[in-house]
Each structure stands twice: as structure tokens, then as C-alpha cells.
């Protein structure tokens, strides 16, 4: 169990062991979720990726990708084109 202190501005410092386990770095965002009256937080990027992955299950096969590597390569090339303009 880890303990974090809340500052007067409502901020907390997440202990390094927790940041490491959640793969959090400076500037990352966390998502806070409530379940049965308990609150949990997680790396927002990883949660978003997991949700997108769930939403697209089966879509890669329908699109003709033979394996995950092909899909990732296509996605990275598409992102580069969009971000860098080529």
C-alpha cells in the first residue's frame, strides 16, 4: 500500500512505485473511475488504447490484415502521414 499527501491545491504526488507500475511519466494524464463506491486511477493513454482495441476487435481481420504486425505497421504509417504530411 502506498500513501500520497494532498496539497492545499488538491494535488497529489503519485509514489514512484505506482508511477512505474502504471507506466506514467511527467505530463501523462490519469483517468479516475468509480466502481461500487471505490475510486481507481489508471494511465489514461493505456485505458483509451484498451477501449479502442475492444471497439475494433474483428475489424482488422475484416479489413484484410493477416496479423497484428501488419495492422500496426499500417497504423504507424497512417499516423505519420497525418502528423507529418507525408
PDB file of N, CA and C in Angstrom:
ATOM      1  N   UNK A   1       0.849  -1.172   0.000  1.00  0.00           N
ATOM      2  CA  UNK A   1       0.000   0.000   0.000  1.00  0.00           C
ATOM      3  C   UNK A   1       0.894   1.234   0.000  1.00  0.00           C
ATOM      4  N   UNK A   2       0.498   2.212  -0.770  1.00  0.00           N
ATOM      5  CA  UNK A   2       1.224   3.477  -0.854  1.00  0.00           C
ATOM      6  C   UNK A   2       0.323   4.593  -0.331  1.00  0.00           C
ATOM      7  N   UNK A   3       0.925   5.629   0.201  1.00  0.00           N
ATOM      8  CA  UNK A   3       0.183   6.779   0.716  1.00  0.00           C
ATOM      9  C   UNK A   3       0.666   8.028  -0.005  1.00  0.00           C
ATOM     10  N   UNK A   4      -0.286   8.871  -0.411  1.00  0.00           N
ATOM     11  CA  UNK A   4       0.034  10.132  -1.065  1.00  0.00           C
ATOM     12  C   UNK A   4      -0.642  11.258  -0.295  1.00  0.00           C
ATOM     13  N   UNK A   5       0.048  12.362  -0.151  1.00  0.00           N
ATOM     14  CA  UNK A   5      -0.475  13.523   0.569  1.00  0.00           C
ATOM     15  C   UNK A   5      -1.101  14.504  -0.409  1.00  0.00           C
ATOM     16  N   UNK A   6      -2.241  15.066  -0.044  1.00  0.00           N
ATOM     17  CA  UNK A   6      -2.929  16.052  -0.878  1.00  0.00           C
ATOM     18  C   UNK A   6      -2.442  17.443  -0.494  1.00  0.00           C
ATOM     19  N   UNK A   7      -2.033  18.231  -1.498  1.00  0.00           N
ATOM     20  CA  UNK A   7      -1.570  19.600  -1.247  1.00  0.00           C
ATOM     21  C   UNK A   7      -2.769  20.522  -1.043  1.00  0.00           C
ATOM     22  N   UNK A   8      -2.492  21.758  -0.669  1.00  0.00           N
ATOM     23  CA  UNK A   8      -3.563  22.742  -0.480  1.00  0.00           C
ATOM     24  C   UNK A   8      -4.286  23.051  -1.786  1.00  0.00           C
ATOM     25  N   UNK A   9      -3.657  22.755  -2.917  1.00  0.00           N
ATOM     26  CA  UNK A   9      -4.268  22.963  -4.223  1.00  0.00           C
ATOM     27  C   UNK A   9      -4.997  21.718  -4.717  1.00  0.00           C
ATOM     28  N   UNK A  10      -5.068  20.684  -3.885  1.00  0.00           N
ATOM     29  CA  UNK A  10      -5.758  19.462  -4.277  1.00  0.00           C
ATOM     30  C   UNK A  10      -4.909  18.531  -5.125  1.00  0.00           C
ATOM     31  N   UNK A  11      -3.612  18.758  -5.168  1.00  0.00           N
ATOM     32  CA  UNK A  11      -2.715  17.929  -5.967  1.00  0.00           C
ATOM     33  C   UNK A  11      -2.099  16.836  -5.110  1.00  0.00           C
ATOM     34  N   UNK A  12      -1.789  15.712  -5.752  1.00  0.00           N
ATOM     35  CA  UNK A  12      -1.085  14.648  -5.050  1.00  0.00           C
ATOM     36  C   UNK A  12       0.159  14.272  -5.853  1.00  0.00           C
ATOM     37  N   UNK A  13       1.139  13.743  -5.163  1.00  0.00           N
ATOM     38  CA  UNK A  13       2.314  13.190  -5.808  1.00  0.00           C
ATOM     39  C   UNK A  13       2.137  11.683  -5.790  1.00  0.00           C
ATOM     40  N   UNK A  14       2.148  11.089  -6.962  1.00  0.00           N
ATOM     41  CA  UNK A  14       1.981   9.641  -7.062  1.00  0.00           C
ATOM     42  C   UNK A  14       3.339   9.009  -6.773  1.00  0.00           C
ATOM     43  N   UNK A  15       3.401   8.097  -5.815  1.00  0.00           N
ATOM     44  CA  UNK A  15       4.681   7.459  -5.479  1.00  0.00           C
ATOM     45  C   UNK A  15       5.315   6.797  -6.703  1.00  0.00           C
ATOM     46  N   UNK A  16       6.643   6.795  -6.746  1.00  0.00           N
ATOM     47  CA  UNK A  16       7.367   6.277  -7.908  1.00  0.00           C
ATOM     48  C   UNK A  16       7.027   4.822  -8.209  1.00  0.00           C
ATOM     49  N   UNK A  17       6.798   4.015  -7.180  1.00  0.00           N
ATOM     50  CA  UNK A  17       6.469   2.605  -7.426  1.00  0.00           C
ATOM     51  C   UNK A  17       5.142   2.476  -8.178  1.00  0.00           C
ATOM     52  N   UNK A  18       4.196   3.367  -7.881  1.00  0.00           N
ATOM     53  CA  UNK A  18       2.897   3.354  -8.558  1.00  0.00           C
ATOM     54  C   UNK A  18       3.052   3.891  -9.978  1.00  0.00           C
ATOM     55  N   UNK A  19       3.814   4.988 -10.127  1.00  0.00           N
ATOM     56  CA  UNK A  19       4.064   5.547 -11.465  1.00  0.00           C
ATOM     57  C   UNK A  19       4.727   4.516 -12.363  1.00  0.00           C
ATOM     58  N   UNK A  20       5.668   3.786 -11.827  1.00  0.00           N
ATOM     59  CA  UNK A  20       6.352   2.751 -12.614  1.00  0.00           C
ATOM     60  C   UNK A  20       5.390   1.644 -13.009  1.00  0.00           C
ATOM     61  N   UNK A  21       4.578   1.188 -12.071  1.00  0.00           N
ATOM     62  CA  UNK A  21       3.625   0.106 -12.356  1.00  0.00           C
ATOM     63  C   UNK A  21       2.614   0.520 -13.415  1.00  0.00           C
ATOM     64  N   UNK A  22       2.211   1.797 -13.402  1.00  0.00           N
ATOM     65  CA  UNK A  22       1.226   2.299 -14.361  1.00  0.00           C
ATOM     66  C   UNK A  22       1.870   2.865 -15.621  1.00  0.00           C
ATOM     67  N   UNK A  23       3.207   2.819 -15.684  1.00  0.00           N
ATOM     68  CA  UNK A  23       3.956   3.360 -16.823  1.00  0.00           C
ATOM     69  C   UNK A  23       3.622   4.841 -17.041  1.00  0.00           C
ATOM     70  N   UNK A  24       3.602   5.600 -15.963  1.00  0.00           N
ATOM     71  CA  UNK A  24       3.301   7.035 -16.023  1.00  0.00           C
ATOM     72  C   UNK A  24       4.594   7.837 -16.043  1.00  0.00           C
ATOM     73  N   UNK A  25       4.593   8.898 -16.851  1.00  0.00           N
ATOM     74  CA  UNK A  25       5.714   9.825 -16.906  1.00  0.00           C
ATOM     75  C   UNK A  25       5.177  11.235 -16.694  1.00  0.00           C
ATOM     76  N   UNK A  26       6.075  12.164 -16.471  1.00  0.00           N
ATOM     77  CA  UNK A  26       5.690  13.556 -16.280  1.00  0.00           C
ATOM     78  C   UNK A  26       4.852  14.012 -17.472  1.00  0.00           C
ATOM     79  N   UNK A  27       3.735  14.647 -17.208  1.00  0.00           N
ATOM     80  CA  UNK A  27       2.857  15.150 -18.260  1.00  0.00           C
ATOM     81  C   UNK A  27       1.760  14.192 -18.676  1.00  0.00           C
ATOM     82  N   UNK A  28       1.879  12.916 -18.280  1.00  0.00           N
ATOM     83  CA  UNK A  28       0.828  11.952 -18.614  1.00  0.00           C
ATOM     84  C   UNK A  28      -0.448  12.298 -17.855  1.00  0.00           C
ATOM     85  N   UNK A  29      -1.552  11.821 -18.384  1.00  0.00           N
ATOM     86  CA  UNK A  29      -2.845  12.015 -17.731  1.00  0.00           C
ATOM     87  C   UNK A  29      -3.300  10.701 -17.126  1.00  0.00           C
ATOM     88  N   UNK A  30      -4.069  10.816 -16.050  1.00  0.00           N
ATOM     89  CA  UNK A  30      -4.650   9.626 -15.432  1.00  0.00           C
ATOM     90  C   UNK A  30      -6.160   9.728 -15.528  1.00  0.00           C
ATOM     91  N   UNK A  31      -6.799   8.582 -15.606  1.00  0.00           N
ATOM     92  CA  UNK A  31      -8.257   8.531 -15.618  1.00  0.00           C
ATOM     93  C   UNK A  31      -8.678   7.987 -14.252  1.00  0.00           C
ATOM     94  N   UNK A  32      -9.706   8.607 -13.687  1.00  0.00           N
ATOM     95  CA  UNK A  32     -10.218   8.187 -12.381  1.00  0.00           C
ATOM     96  C   UNK A  32     -11.602   7.611 -12.609  1.00  0.00           C
ATOM     97  N   UNK A  33     -11.789   6.374 -12.144  1.00  0.00           N
ATOM     98  CA  UNK A  33     -13.051   5.679 -12.348  1.00  0.00           C
ATOM     99  C   UNK A  33     -13.620   5.261 -11.000  1.00  0.00           C
ATOM    100  N   UNK A  34     -14.939   5.295 -10.900  1.00  0.00           N
ATOM    101  CA  UNK A  34     -15.621   4.871  -9.688  1.00  0.00           C
ATOM    102  C   UNK A  34     -16.298   3.537  -9.950  1.00  0.00           C
ATOM    103  N   UNK A  35     -16.152   2.631  -9.020  1.00  0.00           N
ATOM    104  CA  UNK A  35     -16.792   1.332  -9.127  1.00  0.00           C
ATOM    105  C   UNK A  35     -17.213   0.898  -7.728  1.00  0.00           C
ATOM    106  N   UNK A  36     -18.513   0.769  -7.530  1.00  0.00           N
ATOM    107  CA  UNK A  36     -19.058   0.345  -6.238  1.00  0.00           C
ATOM    108  C   UNK A  36     -18.557   1.202  -5.076  1.00  0.00           C
ATOM    109  N   UNK A  37     -18.504   2.507  -5.283  1.00  0.00           N
ATOM    110  CA  UNK A  37     -18.109   3.421  -4.224  1.00  0.00           C
ATOM    111  C   UNK A  37     -16.613   3.539  -4.010  1.00  0.00           C
ATOM    112  N   UNK A  38     -15.818   2.836  -4.788  1.00  0.00           N
ATOM    113  CA  UNK A  38     -14.355   2.916  -4.682  1.00  0.00           C
ATOM    114  C   UNK A  38     -13.831   3.604  -5.929  1.00  0.00           C
ATOM    115  N   UNK A  39     -12.763   4.347  -5.775  1.00  0.00           N
ATOM    116  CA  UNK A  39     -12.176   5.074  -6.892  1.00  0.00           C
ATOM    117  C   UNK A  39     -10.835   4.453  -7.269  1.00  0.00           C
ATOM    118  N   UNK A  40     -10.635   4.329  -8.570  1.00  0.00           N
ATOM    119  CA  UNK A  40      -9.419   3.758  -9.120  1.00  0.00           C
ATOM    120  C   UNK A  40      -8.865   4.712 -10.152  1.00  0.00           C
ATOM    121  N   UNK A  41      -7.552   4.756 -10.272  1.00  0.00           N
ATOM    122  CA  UNK A  41      -6.985   5.562 -11.340  1.00  0.00           C
ATOM    123  C   UNK A  41      -6.007   4.728 -12.141  1.00  0.00           C
ATOM    124  N   UNK A  42      -5.853   5.123 -13.397  1.00  0.00           N
ATOM    125  CA  UNK A  42      -5.012   4.377 -14.312  1.00  0.00           C
ATOM    126  C   UNK A  42      -4.441   5.330 -15.350  1.00  0.00           C
ATOM    127  N   UNK A  43      -3.488   4.855 -16.093  1.00  0.00           N
ATOM    128  CA  UNK A  43      -2.874   5.623 -17.171  1.00  0.00           C
ATOM    129  C   UNK A  43      -3.933   5.850 -18.255  1.00  0.00           C
ATOM    130  N   UNK A  44      -4.293   7.105 -18.508  1.00  0.00           N
ATOM    131  CA  UNK A  44      -5.370   7.429 -19.451  1.00  0.00           C
ATOM    132  C   UNK A  44      -5.067   6.924 -20.862  1.00  0.00           C
ATOM    133  N   UNK A  45      -3.823   7.006 -21.286  1.00  0.00           N
ATOM    134  CA  UNK A  45      -3.469   6.546 -22.634  1.00  0.00           C
ATOM    135  C   UNK A  45      -3.691   5.050 -22.784  1.00  0.00           C
ATOM    136  N   UNK A  46      -3.290   4.282 -21.759  1.00  0.00           N
ATOM    137  CA  UNK A  46      -3.455   2.835 -21.838  1.00  0.00           C
ATOM    138  C   UNK A  46      -4.926   2.436 -21.788  1.00  0.00           C
ATOM    139  N   UNK A  47      -5.717   3.170 -21.011  1.00  0.00           N
ATOM    140  CA  UNK A  47      -7.158   2.893 -20.942  1.00  0.00           C
ATOM    141  C   UNK A  47      -7.796   3.196 -22.297  1.00  0.00           C
ATOM    142  N   UNK A  48      -7.442   4.326 -22.896  1.00  0.00           N
ATOM    143  CA  UNK A  48      -8.008   4.693 -24.199  1.00  0.00           C
ATOM    144  C   UNK A  48      -7.620   3.664 -25.259  1.00  0.00           C
ATOM    145  N   UNK A  49      -6.366   3.217 -25.225  1.00  0.00           N
ATOM    146  CA  UNK A  49      -5.924   2.221 -26.193  1.00  0.00           C
ATOM    147  C   UNK A  49      -6.689   0.915 -26.006  1.00  0.00           C
ATOM    148  N   UNK A  50      -6.872   0.489 -24.765  1.00  0.00           N
ATOM    149  CA  UNK A  50      -7.601  -0.753 -24.493  1.00  0.00           C
ATOM    150  C   UNK A  50      -9.047  -0.652 -24.976  1.00  0.00           C
ATOM    151  N   UNK A  51      -9.667   0.500 -24.756  1.00  0.00           N
ATOM    152  CA  UNK A  51     -11.050   0.692 -25.214  1.00  0.00           C
ATOM    153  C   UNK A  51     -11.134   0.662 -26.736  1.00  0.00           C
ATOM    154  N   UNK A  52     -10.180   1.319 -27.389  1.00  0.00           N
ATOM    155  CA  UNK A  52     -10.162   1.319 -28.851  1.00  0.00           C
ATOM    156  C   UNK A  52      -9.937  -0.091 -29.378  1.00  0.00           C
ATOM    157  N   UNK A  53      -9.058  -0.808 -28.712  1.00  0.00           N
ATOM    158  CA  UNK A  53      -8.781  -2.191 -29.113  1.00  0.00           C
ATOM    159  C   UNK A  53     -10.050  -3.037 -29.010  1.00  0.00           C
ATOM    160  N   UNK A  54     -10.803  -2.868 -27.937  1.00  0.00           N
ATOM    161  CA  UNK A  54     -12.065  -3.597 -27.772  1.00  0.00           C
ATOM    162  C   UNK A  54     -13.066  -3.220 -28.867  1.00  0.00           C
ATOM    163  N   UNK A  55     -13.134  -1.917 -29.179  1.00  0.00           N
ATOM    164  CA  UNK A  55     -14.073  -1.439 -30.190  1.00  0.00           C
ATOM    165  C   UNK A  55     -13.753  -1.986 -31.578  1.00  0.00           C
ATOM    166  N   UNK A  56     -12.477  -2.227 -31.835  1.00  0.00           N
ATOM    167  CA  UNK A  56     -12.066  -2.653 -33.171  1.00  0.00           C
ATOM    168  C   UNK A  56     -11.805  -4.148 -33.294  1.00  0.00           C
ATOM    169  N   UNK A  57     -12.152  -4.918 -32.263  1.00  0.00           N
ATOM    170  CA  UNK A  57     -11.949  -6.362 -32.356  1.00  0.00           C
ATOM    171  C   UNK A  57     -12.667  -6.903 -33.583  1.00  0.00           C
ATOM    172  N   UNK A  58     -11.963  -7.656 -34.355  1.00  0.00           N
ATOM    173  CA  UNK A  58     -12.534  -8.241 -35.563  1.00  0.00           C
ATOM    174  C   UNK A  58     -12.444  -7.335 -36.777  1.00  0.00           C
ATOM    175  N   UNK A  59     -12.319  -6.036 -36.572  1.00  0.00           N
ATOM    176  CA  UNK A  59     -12.274  -5.101 -37.692  1.00  0.00           C
ATOM    177  C   UNK A  59     -11.005  -5.278 -38.519  1.00  0.00           C
ATOM    178  N   UNK A  60      -9.895  -5.618 -37.873  1.00  0.00           N
ATOM    179  CA  UNK A  60      -8.632  -5.798 -38.602  1.00  0.00           C
ATOM    180  C   UNK A  60      -8.734  -6.973 -39.563  1.00  0.00           C
ATOM    181  N   UNK A  61      -9.329  -8.040 -39.094  1.00  0.00           N
ATOM    182  CA  UNK A  61      -9.484  -9.213 -39.955  1.00  0.00           C
ATOM    183  C   UNK A  61     -10.393  -8.878 -41.139  1.00  0.00           C
ATOM    184  N   UNK A  62     -11.473  -8.165 -40.862  1.00  0.00           N
ATOM    185  CA  UNK A  62     -12.394  -7.763 -41.922  1.00  0.00           C
ATOM    186  C   UNK A  62     -11.707  -6.853 -42.936  1.00  0.00           C
ATOM    187  N   UNK A  63     -10.732  -6.048 -42.458  1.00  0.00           N
ATOM    188  CA  UNK A  63     -10.022  -5.128 -43.344  1.00  0.00           C
ATOM    189  C   UNK A  63      -8.927  -5.830 -44.148  1.00  0.00           C
ATOM    190  N   UNK A  64      -8.676  -7.109 -43.843  1.00  0.00           N
ATOM    191  CA  UNK A  64      -7.714  -7.872 -44.620  1.00  0.00           C
ATOM    192  C   UNK A  64      -6.331  -7.990 -44.028  1.00  0.00           C
ATOM    193  N   UNK A  65      -6.132  -7.520 -42.789  1.00  0.00           N
ATOM    194  CA  UNK A  65      -4.824  -7.668 -42.153  1.00  0.00           C
ATOM    195  C   UNK A  65      -4.645  -9.119 -41.731  1.00  0.00           C
ATOM    196  N   UNK A  66      -3.463  -9.651 -42.013  1.00  0.00           N
ATOM    197  CA  UNK A  66      -3.181 -11.046 -41.684  1.00  0.00           C
ATOM    198  C   UNK A  66      -2.745 -11.235 -40.237  1.00  0.00           C
ATOM    199  N   UNK A  67      -2.112 -10.194 -39.655  1.00  0.00           N
ATOM    200  CA  UNK A  67      -1.644 -10.302 -38.273  1.00  0.00           C
ATOM    201  C   UNK A  67      -1.537  -8.915 -37.656  1.00  0.00           C
ATOM    202  N   UNK A  68      -1.230  -8.892 -36.381  1.00  0.00           N
ATOM    203  CA  UNK A  68      -1.167  -7.627 -35.650  1.00  0.00           C
ATOM    204  C   UNK A  68      -0.029  -6.741 -36.162  1.00  0.00           C
ATOM    205  N   UNK A  69       1.069  -7.357 -36.560  1.00  0.00           N
ATOM    206  CA  UNK A  69       2.209  -6.600 -37.070  1.00  0.00           C
ATOM    207  C   UNK A  69       1.836  -5.793 -38.314  1.00  0.00           C
ATOM    208  N   UNK A  70       1.086  -6.397 -39.223  1.00  0.00           N
ATOM    209  CA  UNK A  70       0.645  -5.691 -40.426  1.00  0.00           C
ATOM    210  C   UNK A  70      -0.234  -4.498 -40.068  1.00  0.00           C
ATOM    211  N   UNK A  71      -1.134  -4.709 -39.124  1.00  0.00           N
ATOM    212  CA  UNK A  71      -2.044  -3.646 -38.710  1.00  0.00           C
ATOM    213  C   UNK A  71      -1.268  -2.504 -38.058  1.00  0.00           C
ATOM    214  N   UNK A  72      -0.322  -2.826 -37.176  1.00  0.00           N
ATOM    215  CA  UNK A  72       0.459  -1.794 -36.507  1.00  0.00           C
ATOM    216  C   UNK A  72       1.290  -0.994 -37.499  1.00  0.00           C
ATOM    217  N   UNK A  73       1.884  -1.684 -38.463  1.00  0.00           N
ATOM    218  CA  UNK A  73       2.677  -1.004 -39.487  1.00  0.00           C
ATOM    219  C   UNK A  73       1.798  -0.028 -40.271  1.00  0.00           C
ATOM    220  N   UNK A  74       0.615  -0.469 -40.663  1.00  0.00           N
ATOM    221  CA  UNK A  74      -0.308   0.388 -41.395  1.00  0.00           C
ATOM    222  C   UNK A  74      -0.703   1.598 -40.544  1.00  0.00           C
ATOM    223  N   UNK A  75      -1.010   1.355 -39.269  1.00  0.00           N
ATOM    224  CA  UNK A  75      -1.439   2.443 -38.383  1.00  0.00           C
ATOM    225  C   UNK A  75      -0.326   3.466 -38.209  1.00  0.00           C
ATOM    226  N   UNK A  76       0.910   3.013 -38.012  1.00  0.00           N
ATOM    227  CA  UNK A  76       2.023   3.937 -37.818  1.00  0.00           C
ATOM    228  C   UNK A  76       2.272   4.751 -39.093  1.00  0.00           C
ATOM    229  N   UNK A  77       2.181   4.107 -40.241  1.00  0.00           N
ATOM    230  CA  UNK A  77       2.359   4.836 -41.500  1.00  0.00           C
ATOM    231  C   UNK A  77       1.251   5.862 -41.685  1.00  0.00           C
ATOM    232  N   UNK A  78       0.029   5.500 -41.331  1.00  0.00           N
ATOM    233  CA  UNK A  78      -1.107   6.405 -41.449  1.00  0.00           C
ATOM    234  C   UNK A  78      -0.952   7.593 -40.505  1.00  0.00           C
ATOM    235  N   UNK A  79      -0.492   7.332 -39.293  1.00  0.00           N
ATOM    236  CA  UNK A  79      -0.288   8.408 -38.316  1.00  0.00           C
ATOM    237  C   UNK A  79       0.814   9.349 -38.805  1.00  0.00           C
ATOM    238  N   UNK A  80       1.896   8.782 -39.325  1.00  0.00           N
ATOM    239  CA  UNK A  80       2.991   9.626 -39.854  1.00  0.00           C
ATOM    240  C   UNK A  80       2.489  10.525 -40.976  1.00  0.00           C
ATOM    241  N   UNK A  81       1.695   9.946 -41.874  1.00  0.00           N
ATOM    242  CA  UNK A  81       1.149  10.746 -42.985  1.00  0.00           C
ATOM    243  C   UNK A  81       0.303  11.891 -42.450  1.00  0.00           C
ATOM    244  N   UNK A  82      -0.518  11.594 -41.470  1.00  0.00           N
ATOM    245  CA  UNK A  82      -1.426  12.609 -40.919  1.00  0.00           C
ATOM    246  C   UNK A  82      -0.659  13.693 -40.162  1.00  0.00           C
ATOM    247  N   UNK A  83       0.288  13.288 -39.331  1.00  0.00           N
ATOM    248  CA  UNK A  83       1.000  14.233 -38.488  1.00  0.00           C
ATOM    249  C   UNK A  83       2.065  15.004 -39.265  1.00  0.00           C
ATOM    250  N   UNK A  84       2.807  14.295 -40.080  1.00  0.00           N
ATOM    251  CA  UNK A  84       3.936  14.914 -40.768  1.00  0.00           C
ATOM    252  C   UNK A  84       3.623  15.352 -42.184  1.00  0.00           C
ATOM    253  N   UNK A  85       2.493  14.928 -42.699  1.00  0.00           N
ATOM    254  CA  UNK A  85       2.098  15.345 -44.033  1.00  0.00           C
ATOM    255  C   UNK A  85       2.727  14.560 -45.159  1.00  0.00           C
ATOM    256  N   UNK A  86       3.242  13.362 -44.843  1.00  0.00           N
ATOM    257  CA  UNK A  86       3.797  12.505 -45.919  1.00  0.00           C
ATOM    258  C   UNK A  86       3.485  11.067 -45.674  1.00  0.00           C
TER     259      UNK A  86
END
